[in-house]
Amino acid sequence: MSERKFDFIPGVENCAGEMKVSFPIEEYKNRLTKIRQIMDREKIETKYTWDLTKIFTNIDEFNNLYEETKEEINNYKKYENIMGDNANNFYNAINDYYNISRKLEKLYSYASLQYDENTSNNTNQALELKVRNLYDELTKVTYFITPTILKKPLPLLYSKSTFPTSA
């Protein structure tokens, strides 16, 4: 029977093929306690924290974009029965969808980072949940996109002459 060596682990010796811890159990417990301690956000130097002002300078800016995005999601329902009628409607539906998605990504980035700063903070939890619910709303009102695309022949949806040109 080959002997297992544990000399690569500090404080552990080989003892007849079994591990033997050579430091006192209290020291081990103290080390674990120190590892498990989480510093309060206020005690961490600013240079080691996220600068969320790069995303939104304040919560009002976040709330304004949230309300704007919520309204755009509610207005998206207008494409349900007209998206596949012509290339222009198709383009506008897809373009609006991606514009809403980009706004939601920005909102979610901010909310999730805010939440990750302190997962026990109820305000941060509510903010993240609020954006997740908005994602759910987008999913509900855009259910028709894939079926519409699959039902229509490609030439009908793709007509270079009817796509808006970028300025």
Foldseek 3Di string as FASTA:
>chain_A
DDADADVVDPQWGTDRNDTDGNDDPVVVVVVVVVVPDDDQLVPDDPVPADDLVVLPVDVVRLVVLLVVLLVLLVVLLVLQPPCLVAQASVVVSVVSLVVSVVSLVSQLVSLVSLCVSPVVDPVSVVSNVSSVVSVVSSCVSCVRNVVSVVVDDPVRNDDVVNYDDDD
